[in-house]
């Protein structure tokens, strides 16, 4: 008797959805997408330009604002108050 590794999931629709996402055909698609992202056209992608300190600061600030809007209490506890 084979044991289904997804039997612990309570909802049959959810379990069937996970099985569809993790089927052999889907896994081949995921690996192909990864390969094409890393080596477009079979060649290694050229390196991107380094980000400036201003770009990094803007990204950090944007991420901080978005996180604090999503989870204001938890964000403050985990990362401290913004000064």
C-alpha atoms as a PDB file:
ATOM      1  CA  UNK A   1       0.000   0.000   0.000  1.00  0.00           C
ATOM      2  CA  UNK A   2       1.397   3.389  -1.017  1.00  0.00           C
ATOM      3  CA  UNK A   3       1.141   6.280   1.391  1.00  0.00           C
ATOM      4  CA  UNK A   4       0.364   9.667  -0.104  1.00  0.00           C
ATOM      5  CA  UNK A   5       2.854  12.236   1.265  1.00  0.00           C
ATOM      6  CA  UNK A   6       0.143  14.918   1.141  1.00  0.00           C
ATOM      7  CA  UNK A   7      -2.387  13.014   3.272  1.00  0.00           C
ATOM      8  CA  UNK A   8      -1.694  15.331   6.203  1.00  0.00           C
ATOM      9  CA  UNK A   9      -3.412  18.192   4.322  1.00  0.00           C
ATOM     10  CA  UNK A  10      -6.996  18.481   5.561  1.00  0.00           C
ATOM     11  CA  UNK A  11      -8.791  19.779   2.471  1.00  0.00           C
ATOM     12  CA  UNK A  12      -9.067  17.527  -0.577  1.00  0.00           C
ATOM     13  CA  UNK A  13      -9.282  20.443  -3.034  1.00  0.00           C
ATOM     14  CA  UNK A  14      -6.137  21.970  -1.608  1.00  0.00           C
ATOM     15  CA  UNK A  15      -4.363  18.605  -1.648  1.00  0.00           C
ATOM     16  CA  UNK A  16      -5.341  18.067  -5.295  1.00  0.00           C
ATOM     17  CA  UNK A  17      -4.135  21.580  -6.154  1.00  0.00           C
ATOM     18  CA  UNK A  18      -0.756  20.930  -4.538  1.00  0.00           C
ATOM     19  CA  UNK A  19      -0.470  17.640  -6.425  1.00  0.00           C
ATOM     20  CA  UNK A  20      -1.204  19.432  -9.705  1.00  0.00           C
ATOM     21  CA  UNK A  21       1.450  22.073  -8.965  1.00  0.00           C
ATOM     22  CA  UNK A  22       4.032  19.429  -8.082  1.00  0.00           C
ATOM     23  CA  UNK A  23       3.299  16.974 -10.909  1.00  0.00           C
ATOM     24  CA  UNK A  24       6.052  15.807 -13.265  1.00  0.00           C
ATOM     25  CA  UNK A  25       5.017  18.140 -16.093  1.00  0.00           C
ATOM     26  CA  UNK A  26       4.971  21.163 -13.777  1.00  0.00           C
ATOM     27  CA  UNK A  27       8.378  20.296 -12.320  1.00  0.00           C
ATOM     28  CA  UNK A  28       9.803  20.164 -15.862  1.00  0.00           C
ATOM     29  CA  UNK A  29       8.304  23.624 -16.508  1.00  0.00           C
ATOM     30  CA  UNK A  30       9.839  24.992 -13.284  1.00  0.00           C
ATOM     31  CA  UNK A  31      13.302  23.665 -14.150  1.00  0.00           C
ATOM     32  CA  UNK A  32      13.002  25.014 -17.708  1.00  0.00           C
ATOM     33  CA  UNK A  33      11.997  28.458 -16.429  1.00  0.00           C
ATOM     34  CA  UNK A  34      14.943  28.481 -14.024  1.00  0.00           C
ATOM     35  CA  UNK A  35      17.331  27.395 -16.775  1.00  0.00           C
ATOM     36  CA  UNK A  36      16.040  30.118 -19.113  1.00  0.00           C
ATOM     37  CA  UNK A  37      16.352  32.724 -16.355  1.00  0.00           C
ATOM     38  CA  UNK A  38      19.961  31.801 -15.620  1.00  0.00           C
ATOM     39  CA  UNK A  39      21.078  31.037 -19.182  1.00  0.00           C
ATOM     40  CA  UNK A  40      18.806  32.853 -21.677  1.00  0.00           C
ATOM     41  CA  UNK A  41      19.352  31.417 -25.161  1.00  0.00           C
ATOM     42  CA  UNK A  42      21.767  28.858 -23.715  1.00  0.00           C
ATOM     43  CA  UNK A  43      24.315  31.542 -22.820  1.00  0.00           C
ATOM     44  CA  UNK A  44      25.142  32.956 -19.430  1.00  0.00           C
ATOM     45  CA  UNK A  45      23.354  36.220 -18.744  1.00  0.00           C
ATOM     46  CA  UNK A  46      25.701  39.228 -18.661  1.00  0.00           C
ATOM     47  CA  UNK A  47      26.273  40.692 -15.199  1.00  0.00           C
ATOM     48  CA  UNK A  48      24.007  43.539 -14.210  1.00  0.00           C
ATOM     49  CA  UNK A  49      25.287  46.948 -13.200  1.00  0.00           C
ATOM     50  CA  UNK A  50      26.083  47.278  -9.489  1.00  0.00           C
ATOM     51  CA  UNK A  51      23.439  49.072  -7.447  1.00  0.00           C
ATOM     52  CA  UNK A  52      24.324  52.444  -5.968  1.00  0.00           C
ATOM     53  CA  UNK A  53      24.105  53.178  -2.258  1.00  0.00           C
ATOM     54  CA  UNK A  54      21.144  55.482  -3.004  1.00  0.00           C
ATOM     55  CA  UNK A  55      19.300  52.606  -4.752  1.00  0.00           C
ATOM     56  CA  UNK A  56      20.002  50.298  -1.815  1.00  0.00           C
ATOM     57  CA  UNK A  57      18.781  52.891   0.691  1.00  0.00           C
ATOM     58  CA  UNK A  58      15.602  53.516  -1.316  1.00  0.00           C
ATOM     59  CA  UNK A  59      14.890  49.767  -1.494  1.00  0.00           C
ATOM     60  CA  UNK A  60      15.542  49.363   2.236  1.00  0.00           C
ATOM     61  CA  UNK A  61      13.223  52.288   3.058  1.00  0.00           C
ATOM     62  CA  UNK A  62      10.477  50.998   0.763  1.00  0.00           C
ATOM     63  CA  UNK A  63      10.667  47.485   2.226  1.00  0.00           C
ATOM     64  CA  UNK A  64      10.567  48.882   5.753  1.00  0.00           C
ATOM     65  CA  UNK A  65       7.439  50.943   5.022  1.00  0.00           C
ATOM     66  CA  UNK A  66       5.677  48.016   3.340  1.00  0.00           C
ATOM     67  CA  UNK A  67       6.475  45.618   6.184  1.00  0.00           C
ATOM     68  CA  UNK A  68       5.340  48.063   8.837  1.00  0.00           C
ATOM     69  CA  UNK A  69       2.069  48.622   6.962  1.00  0.00           C
ATOM     70  CA  UNK A  70       1.418  44.865   6.740  1.00  0.00           C
ATOM     71  CA  UNK A  71       2.355  43.967  10.309  1.00  0.00           C
ATOM     72  CA  UNK A  72       2.804  47.108  12.392  1.00  0.00           C
ATOM     73  CA  UNK A  73       3.098  45.460  15.812  1.00  0.00           C
ATOM     74  CA  UNK A  74       5.217  42.480  14.803  1.00  0.00           C
ATOM     75  CA  UNK A  75       7.544  44.609  12.668  1.00  0.00           C
ATOM     76  CA  UNK A  76       8.284  46.930  15.571  1.00  0.00           C
ATOM     77  CA  UNK A  77       8.976  44.016  17.917  1.00  0.00           C
ATOM     78  CA  UNK A  78      11.269  42.231  15.427  1.00  0.00           C
ATOM     79  CA  UNK A  79      13.183  45.174  14.002  1.00  0.00           C
ATOM     80  CA  UNK A  80      12.812  47.979  16.533  1.00  0.00           C
ATOM     81  CA  UNK A  81      11.371  51.434  16.190  1.00  0.00           C
ATOM     82  CA  UNK A  82      12.367  53.658  13.303  1.00  0.00           C
ATOM     83  CA  UNK A  83      14.279  56.679  14.532  1.00  0.00           C
END
